[in-house]
Amino acid sequence: MLMSHEELTSHMQTNFALIKFHNYTLEDLENMVPWEREVYIILVENWIKEQNDQARERASKQRGK
Protein backbone atom coordinates (compact mmCIF):
# COMPACT_ATOMS: atom_id res chain seq x y z
CA MET A 1 0.00 0.00 0.00
CA LEU A 2 1.42 3.35 -1.05
CA MET A 3 0.76 6.38 1.13
CA SER A 4 1.22 10.01 0.30
CA HIS A 5 3.43 12.10 2.56
CA GLU A 6 0.38 13.57 4.34
CA GLU A 7 -1.20 10.17 4.86
CA LEU A 8 2.04 8.75 6.22
CA THR A 9 2.51 11.75 8.52
CA SER A 10 -1.06 11.43 9.80
CA HIS A 11 -0.63 7.67 10.29
CA MET A 12 2.54 8.20 12.33
CA GLN A 13 1.01 11.01 14.40
CA THR A 14 -1.96 8.79 15.21
CA ASN A 15 0.36 5.93 16.15
CA PHE A 16 2.35 8.26 18.40
CA ALA A 17 -0.78 9.51 20.19
CA LEU A 18 -2.15 5.98 20.67
CA ILE A 19 1.20 4.79 22.05
CA LYS A 20 1.97 7.85 24.20
CA PHE A 21 -1.46 8.59 25.66
CA HIS A 22 -3.54 5.42 25.33
CA ASN A 23 -1.13 2.60 26.21
CA TYR A 24 -1.02 0.83 22.87
CA THR A 25 2.27 -0.63 21.68
CA LEU A 26 3.60 -0.27 18.16
CA GLU A 27 3.28 -4.04 17.88
CA ASP A 28 -0.42 -3.80 18.86
CA LEU A 29 -1.02 -1.22 16.16
CA GLU A 30 0.96 -3.00 13.46
CA ASN A 31 -0.85 -6.29 14.10
CA MET A 32 -4.31 -4.75 13.71
CA VAL A 33 -6.20 -5.19 10.47
CA PRO A 34 -7.13 -1.82 8.95
CA TRP A 35 -10.82 -1.92 9.96
CA GLU A 36 -9.87 -2.89 13.53
CA ARG A 37 -7.50 0.07 13.75
CA GLU A 38 -10.25 2.40 12.51
CA VAL A 39 -12.69 1.10 15.14
CA TYR A 40 -10.18 1.66 17.95
CA ILE A 41 -9.40 5.15 16.67
CA ILE A 42 -13.12 6.00 16.64
CA LEU A 43 -13.51 4.62 20.19
CA VAL A 44 -10.56 6.70 21.43
CA GLU A 45 -11.88 9.83 19.69
CA ASN A 46 -15.30 9.32 21.32
CA TRP A 47 -13.68 8.80 24.72
CA ILE A 48 -11.65 12.01 24.31
CA LYS A 49 -14.78 13.97 23.36
CA GLU A 50 -16.59 12.63 26.43
CA GLN A 51 -13.68 13.55 28.70
CA ASN A 52 -13.53 17.06 27.23
CA ASP A 53 -17.28 17.50 27.66
CA GLN A 54 -17.08 16.38 31.29
CA ALA A 55 -14.15 18.72 31.96
CA ARG A 56 -16.05 21.66 30.43
CA GLU A 57 -19.11 20.78 32.50
CA ARG A 58 -17.06 20.66 35.73
CA ALA A 59 -15.38 23.97 34.89
CA SER A 60 -18.75 25.54 34.15
CA LYS A 61 -20.19 24.36 37.45
CA GLN A 62 -17.17 25.70 39.37
CA ARG A 63 -17.52 29.11 37.69
CA GLY A 64 -21.19 29.15 38.62
CA LYS A 65 -20.52 28.68 42.35
PDB file of N, CA and C in Angstrom:
ATOM      1  N   MET A   1       0.851  -1.173   0.000  1.00  0.00           N
ATOM      2  CA  MET A   1       0.000   0.000   0.000  1.00  0.00           C
ATOM      3  C   MET A   1       0.898   1.238   0.000  1.00  0.00           C
ATOM      4  N   LEU A   2       0.673   2.109  -0.974  1.00  0.00           N
ATOM      5  CA  LEU A   2       1.423   3.352  -1.048  1.00  0.00           C
ATOM      6  C   LEU A   2       0.654   4.446  -0.333  1.00  0.00           C
ATOM      7  N   MET A   3       1.387   5.267   0.413  1.00  0.00           N
ATOM      8  CA  MET A   3       0.764   6.381   1.130  1.00  0.00           C
ATOM      9  C   MET A   3       1.429   7.664   0.685  1.00  0.00           C
ATOM     10  N   SER A   4       0.640   8.709   0.576  1.00  0.00           N
ATOM     11  CA  SER A   4       1.224  10.015   0.303  1.00  0.00           C
ATOM     12  C   SER A   4       1.934  10.501   1.566  1.00  0.00           C
ATOM     13  N   HIS A   5       2.702  11.541   1.413  1.00  0.00           N
ATOM     14  CA  HIS A   5       3.426  12.102   2.561  1.00  0.00           C
ATOM     15  C   HIS A   5       2.466  12.489   3.679  1.00  0.00           C
ATOM     16  N   GLU A   6       1.347  13.144   3.322  1.00  0.00           N
ATOM     17  CA  GLU A   6       0.379  13.572   4.335  1.00  0.00           C
ATOM     18  C   GLU A   6      -0.264  12.379   5.028  1.00  0.00           C
ATOM     19  N   GLU A   7      -0.588  11.351   4.264  1.00  0.00           N
ATOM     20  CA  GLU A   7      -1.200  10.166   4.859  1.00  0.00           C
ATOM     21  C   GLU A   7      -0.225   9.473   5.797  1.00  0.00           C
ATOM     22  N   LEU A   8       1.027   9.391   5.381  1.00  0.00           N
ATOM     23  CA  LEU A   8       2.040   8.754   6.221  1.00  0.00           C
ATOM     24  C   LEU A   8       2.271   9.563   7.489  1.00  0.00           C
ATOM     25  N   THR A   9       2.329  10.878   7.356  1.00  0.00           N
ATOM     26  CA  THR A   9       2.509  11.746   8.525  1.00  0.00           C
ATOM     27  C   THR A   9       1.344  11.586   9.493  1.00  0.00           C
ATOM     28  N   SER A  10       0.135  11.597   8.964  1.00  0.00           N
ATOM     29  CA  SER A  10      -1.057  11.429   9.798  1.00  0.00           C
ATOM     30  C   SER A  10      -1.052  10.067  10.480  1.00  0.00           C
ATOM     31  N   HIS A  11      -0.700   9.040   9.746  1.00  0.00           N
ATOM     32  CA  HIS A  11      -0.634   7.674  10.295  1.00  0.00           C
ATOM     33  C   HIS A  11       0.351   7.617  11.462  1.00  0.00           C
ATOM     34  N   MET A  12       1.518   8.221  11.279  1.00  0.00           N
ATOM     35  CA  MET A  12       2.540   8.200  12.329  1.00  0.00           C
ATOM     36  C   MET A  12       2.130   9.050  13.527  1.00  0.00           C
ATOM     37  N   GLN A  13       1.474  10.176  13.293  1.00  0.00           N
ATOM     38  CA  GLN A  13       1.006  11.009  14.404  1.00  0.00           C
ATOM     39  C   GLN A  13      -0.061  10.276  15.211  1.00  0.00           C
ATOM     40  N   THR A  14      -0.938   9.575  14.521  1.00  0.00           N
ATOM     41  CA  THR A  14      -1.965   8.794  15.209  1.00  0.00           C
ATOM     42  C   THR A  14      -1.323   7.676  16.020  1.00  0.00           C
ATOM     43  N   ASN A  15      -0.362   6.971  15.417  1.00  0.00           N
ATOM     44  CA  ASN A  15       0.357   5.928  16.155  1.00  0.00           C
ATOM     45  C   ASN A  15       1.003   6.509  17.407  1.00  0.00           C
ATOM     46  N   PHE A  16       1.668   7.641  17.263  1.00  0.00           N
ATOM     47  CA  PHE A  16       2.347   8.261  18.398  1.00  0.00           C
ATOM     48  C   PHE A  16       1.355   8.565  19.522  1.00  0.00           C
ATOM     49  N   ALA A  17       0.221   9.156  19.177  1.00  0.00           N
ATOM     50  CA  ALA A  17      -0.784   9.507  20.192  1.00  0.00           C
ATOM     51  C   ALA A  17      -1.327   8.251  20.873  1.00  0.00           C
ATOM     52  N   LEU A  18      -1.618   7.217  20.089  1.00  0.00           N
ATOM     53  CA  LEU A  18      -2.148   5.982  20.675  1.00  0.00           C
ATOM     54  C   LEU A  18      -1.123   5.328  21.600  1.00  0.00           C
ATOM     55  N   ILE A  19       0.139   5.386  21.230  1.00  0.00           N
ATOM     56  CA  ILE A  19       1.201   4.791  22.051  1.00  0.00           C
ATOM     57  C   ILE A  19       1.442   5.645  23.303  1.00  0.00           C
ATOM     58  N   LYS A  20       1.593   6.945  23.109  1.00  0.00           N
ATOM     59  CA  LYS A  20       1.970   7.850  24.203  1.00  0.00           C
ATOM     60  C   LYS A  20       0.853   8.042  25.231  1.00  0.00           C
ATOM     61  N   PHE A  21      -0.384   8.187  24.759  1.00  0.00           N
ATOM     62  CA  PHE A  21      -1.462   8.585  25.656  1.00  0.00           C
ATOM     63  C   PHE A  21      -2.501   7.505  25.935  1.00  0.00           C
ATOM     64  N   HIS A  22      -2.474   6.420  25.171  1.00  0.00           N
ATOM     65  CA  HIS A  22      -3.541   5.424  25.328  1.00  0.00           C
ATOM     66  C   HIS A  22      -3.014   4.001  25.506  1.00  0.00           C
ATOM     67  N   ASN A  23      -1.754   3.872  25.812  1.00  0.00           N
ATOM     68  CA  ASN A  23      -1.131   2.603  26.211  1.00  0.00           C
ATOM     69  C   ASN A  23      -1.169   1.484  25.185  1.00  0.00           C
ATOM     70  N   TYR A  24      -1.198   1.838  23.907  1.00  0.00           N
ATOM     71  CA  TYR A  24      -1.018   0.826  22.868  1.00  0.00           C
ATOM     72  C   TYR A  24       0.475   0.672  22.624  1.00  0.00           C
ATOM     73  N   THR A  25       0.882  -0.455  22.102  1.00  0.00           N
ATOM     74  CA  THR A  25       2.271  -0.626  21.675  1.00  0.00           C
ATOM     75  C   THR A  25       2.297  -0.558  20.155  1.00  0.00           C
ATOM     76  N   LEU A  26       3.472  -0.288  19.608  1.00  0.00           N
ATOM     77  CA  LEU A  26       3.600  -0.272  18.158  1.00  0.00           C
ATOM     78  C   LEU A  26       3.253  -1.646  17.590  1.00  0.00           C
ATOM     79  N   GLU A  27       3.621  -2.683  18.317  1.00  0.00           N
ATOM     80  CA  GLU A  27       3.277  -4.042  17.884  1.00  0.00           C
ATOM     81  C   GLU A  27       1.765  -4.229  17.841  1.00  0.00           C
ATOM     82  N   ASP A  28       1.048  -3.727  18.860  1.00  0.00           N
ATOM     83  CA  ASP A  28      -0.421  -3.800  18.859  1.00  0.00           C
ATOM     84  C   ASP A  28      -0.981  -3.162  17.587  1.00  0.00           C
ATOM     85  N   LEU A  29      -0.498  -1.969  17.290  1.00  0.00           N
ATOM     86  CA  LEU A  29      -1.016  -1.216  16.158  1.00  0.00           C
ATOM     87  C   LEU A  29      -0.677  -1.872  14.828  1.00  0.00           C
ATOM     88  N   GLU A  30       0.540  -2.376  14.716  1.00  0.00           N
ATOM     89  CA  GLU A  30       0.962  -3.003  13.464  1.00  0.00           C
ATOM     90  C   GLU A  30       0.256  -4.330  13.209  1.00  0.00           C
ATOM     91  N   ASN A  31      -0.185  -5.002  14.262  1.00  0.00           N
ATOM     92  CA  ASN A  31      -0.848  -6.289  14.098  1.00  0.00           C
ATOM     93  C   ASN A  31      -2.352  -6.170  13.877  1.00  0.00           C
ATOM     94  N   MET A  32      -2.883  -4.945  13.948  1.00  0.00           N
ATOM     95  CA  MET A  32      -4.309  -4.754  13.710  1.00  0.00           C
ATOM     96  C   MET A  32      -4.593  -4.771  12.215  1.00  0.00           C
ATOM     97  N   VAL A  33      -5.745  -5.327  11.857  1.00  0.00           N
ATOM     98  CA  VAL A  33      -6.200  -5.194  10.470  1.00  0.00           C
ATOM     99  C   VAL A  33      -6.757  -3.777  10.318  1.00  0.00           C
ATOM    100  N   PRO A  34      -6.746  -3.231   9.109  1.00  0.00           N
ATOM    101  CA  PRO A  34      -7.132  -1.815   8.948  1.00  0.00           C
ATOM    102  C   PRO A  34      -8.488  -1.450   9.562  1.00  0.00           C
ATOM    103  N   TRP A  35      -9.517  -2.280   9.391  1.00  0.00           N
ATOM    104  CA  TRP A  35     -10.825  -1.920   9.955  1.00  0.00           C
ATOM    105  C   TRP A  35     -10.789  -1.931  11.474  1.00  0.00           C
ATOM    106  N   GLU A  36      -9.985  -2.819  12.064  1.00  0.00           N
ATOM    107  CA  GLU A  36      -9.871  -2.892  13.527  1.00  0.00           C
ATOM    108  C   GLU A  36      -9.223  -1.614  14.057  1.00  0.00           C
ATOM    109  N   ARG A  37      -8.186  -1.161  13.376  1.00  0.00           N
ATOM    110  CA  ARG A  37      -7.504   0.074  13.753  1.00  0.00           C
ATOM    111  C   ARG A  37      -8.480   1.247  13.707  1.00  0.00           C
ATOM    112  N   GLU A  38      -9.278   1.317  12.650  1.00  0.00           N
ATOM    113  CA  GLU A  38     -10.247   2.405  12.509  1.00  0.00           C
ATOM    114  C   GLU A  38     -11.265   2.388  13.647  1.00  0.00           C
ATOM    115  N   VAL A  39     -11.728   1.214  14.036  1.00  0.00           N
ATOM    116  CA  VAL A  39     -12.690   1.097  15.140  1.00  0.00           C
ATOM    117  C   VAL A  39     -12.065   1.611  16.430  1.00  0.00           C
ATOM    118  N   TYR A  40     -10.833   1.202  16.722  1.00  0.00           N
ATOM    119  CA  TYR A  40     -10.185   1.664  17.952  1.00  0.00           C
ATOM    120  C   TYR A  40      -9.943   3.169  17.925  1.00  0.00           C
ATOM    121  N   ILE A  41      -9.595   3.701  16.776  1.00  0.00           N
ATOM    122  CA  ILE A  41      -9.397   5.150  16.673  1.00  0.00           C
ATOM    123  C   ILE A  41     -10.706   5.878  16.944  1.00  0.00           C
ATOM    124  N   ILE A  42     -11.803   5.391  16.398  1.00  0.00           N
ATOM    125  CA  ILE A  42     -13.116   6.001  16.644  1.00  0.00           C
ATOM    126  C   ILE A  42     -13.475   5.924  18.132  1.00  0.00           C
ATOM    127  N   LEU A  43     -13.217   4.773  18.757  1.00  0.00           N
ATOM    128  CA  LEU A  43     -13.511   4.624  20.185  1.00  0.00           C
ATOM    129  C   LEU A  43     -12.686   5.606  21.023  1.00  0.00           C
ATOM    130  N   VAL A  44     -11.414   5.758  20.690  1.00  0.00           N
ATOM    131  CA  VAL A  44     -10.556   6.699  21.429  1.00  0.00           C
ATOM    132  C   VAL A  44     -11.033   8.128  21.201  1.00  0.00           C
ATOM    133  N   GLU A  45     -11.380   8.477  19.962  1.00  0.00           N
ATOM    134  CA  GLU A  45     -11.884   9.825  19.686  1.00  0.00           C
ATOM    135  C   GLU A  45     -13.150  10.114  20.482  1.00  0.00           C
ATOM    136  N   ASN A  46     -14.059   9.150  20.534  1.00  0.00           N
ATOM    137  CA  ASN A  46     -15.296   9.322  21.317  1.00  0.00           C
ATOM    138  C   ASN A  46     -14.989   9.490  22.791  1.00  0.00           C
ATOM    139  N   TRP A  47     -14.058   8.713  23.313  1.00  0.00           N
ATOM    140  CA  TRP A  47     -13.677   8.804  24.719  1.00  0.00           C
ATOM    141  C   TRP A  47     -13.089  10.185  25.021  1.00  0.00           C
ATOM    142  N   ILE A  48     -12.246  10.681  24.124  1.00  0.00           N
ATOM    143  CA  ILE A  48     -11.646  12.007  24.311  1.00  0.00           C
ATOM    144  C   ILE A  48     -12.730  13.081  24.325  1.00  0.00           C
ATOM    145  N   LYS A  49     -13.679  12.998  23.398  1.00  0.00           N
ATOM    146  CA  LYS A  49     -14.779  13.971  23.365  1.00  0.00           C
ATOM    147  C   LYS A  49     -15.569  13.944  24.665  1.00  0.00           C
ATOM    148  N   GLU A  50     -15.861  12.749  25.172  1.00  0.00           N
ATOM    149  CA  GLU A  50     -16.595  12.631  26.435  1.00  0.00           C
ATOM    150  C   GLU A  50     -15.808  13.238  27.584  1.00  0.00           C
ATOM    151  N   GLN A  51     -14.516  12.985  27.636  1.00  0.00           N
ATOM    152  CA  GLN A  51     -13.678  13.545  28.697  1.00  0.00           C
ATOM    153  C   GLN A  51     -13.645  15.067  28.619  1.00  0.00           C
ATOM    154  N   ASN A  52     -13.525  15.601  27.410  1.00  0.00           N
ATOM    155  CA  ASN A  52     -13.527  17.056  27.231  1.00  0.00           C
ATOM    156  C   ASN A  52     -14.861  17.662  27.641  1.00  0.00           C
ATOM    157  N   ASP A  53     -15.955  17.016  27.267  1.00  0.00           N
ATOM    158  CA  ASP A  53     -17.284  17.503  27.657  1.00  0.00           C
ATOM    159  C   ASP A  53     -17.434  17.514  29.177  1.00  0.00           C
ATOM    160  N   GLN A  54     -16.993  16.452  29.836  1.00  0.00           N
ATOM    161  CA  GLN A  54     -17.078  16.379  31.295  1.00  0.00           C
ATOM    162  C   GLN A  54     -16.214  17.447  31.951  1.00  0.00           C
ATOM    163  N   ALA A  55     -15.039  17.692  31.408  1.00  0.00           N
ATOM    164  CA  ALA A  55     -14.152  18.722  31.963  1.00  0.00           C
ATOM    165  C   ALA A  55     -14.784  20.106  31.806  1.00  0.00           C
ATOM    166  N   ARG A  56     -15.380  20.364  30.642  1.00  0.00           N
ATOM    167  CA  ARG A  56     -16.053  21.662  30.435  1.00  0.00           C
ATOM    168  C   ARG A  56     -17.233  21.825  31.387  1.00  0.00           C
ATOM    169  N   GLU A  57     -17.969  20.733  31.589  1.00  0.00           N
ATOM    170  CA  GLU A  57     -19.115  20.781  32.501  1.00  0.00           C
ATOM    171  C   GLU A  57     -18.666  21.074  33.928  1.00  0.00           C
ATOM    172  N   ARG A  58     -17.597  20.408  34.375  1.00  0.00           N
ATOM    173  CA  ARG A  58     -17.063  20.655  35.728  1.00  0.00           C
ATOM    174  C   ARG A  58     -16.583  22.100  35.867  1.00  0.00           C
ATOM    175  N   ALA A  59     -15.889  22.584  34.846  1.00  0.00           N
ATOM    176  CA  ALA A  59     -15.383  23.970  34.889  1.00  0.00           C
ATOM    177  C   ALA A  59     -16.543  24.962  34.924  1.00  0.00           C
ATOM    178  N   SER A  60     -17.584  24.669  34.168  1.00  0.00           N
ATOM    179  CA  SER A  60     -18.752  25.544  34.147  1.00  0.00           C
ATOM    180  C   SER A  60     -19.436  25.579  35.496  1.00  0.00           C
ATOM    181  N   LYS A  61     -19.561  24.414  36.133  1.00  0.00           N
ATOM    182  CA  LYS A  61     -20.189  24.358  37.452  1.00  0.00           C
ATOM    183  C   LYS A  61     -19.353  25.105  38.489  1.00  0.00           C
ATOM    184  N   GLN A  62     -18.029  25.003  38.408  1.00  0.00           N
ATOM    185  CA  GLN A  62     -17.169  25.698  39.370  1.00  0.00           C
ATOM    186  C   GLN A  62     -17.256  27.207  39.175  1.00  0.00           C
ATOM    187  N   ARG A  63     -17.379  27.656  37.939  1.00  0.00           N
ATOM    188  CA  ARG A  63     -17.515  29.109  37.689  1.00  0.00           C
ATOM    189  C   ARG A  63     -18.854  29.618  38.199  1.00  0.00           C
ATOM    190  N   GLY A  64     -19.854  28.745  38.194  1.00  0.00           N
ATOM    191  CA  GLY A  64     -21.186  29.145  38.617  1.00  0.00           C
ATOM    192  C   GLY A  64     -21.359  29.202  40.108  1.00  0.00           C
ATOM    193  N   LYS A  65     -20.396  28.701  40.884  1.00  0.00           N
ATOM    194  CA  LYS A  65     -20.522  28.677  42.354  1.00  0.00           C
ATOM    195  C   LYS A  65     -20.275  30.024  42.936  1.00  0.00           C
TER     196      LYS A  65
END
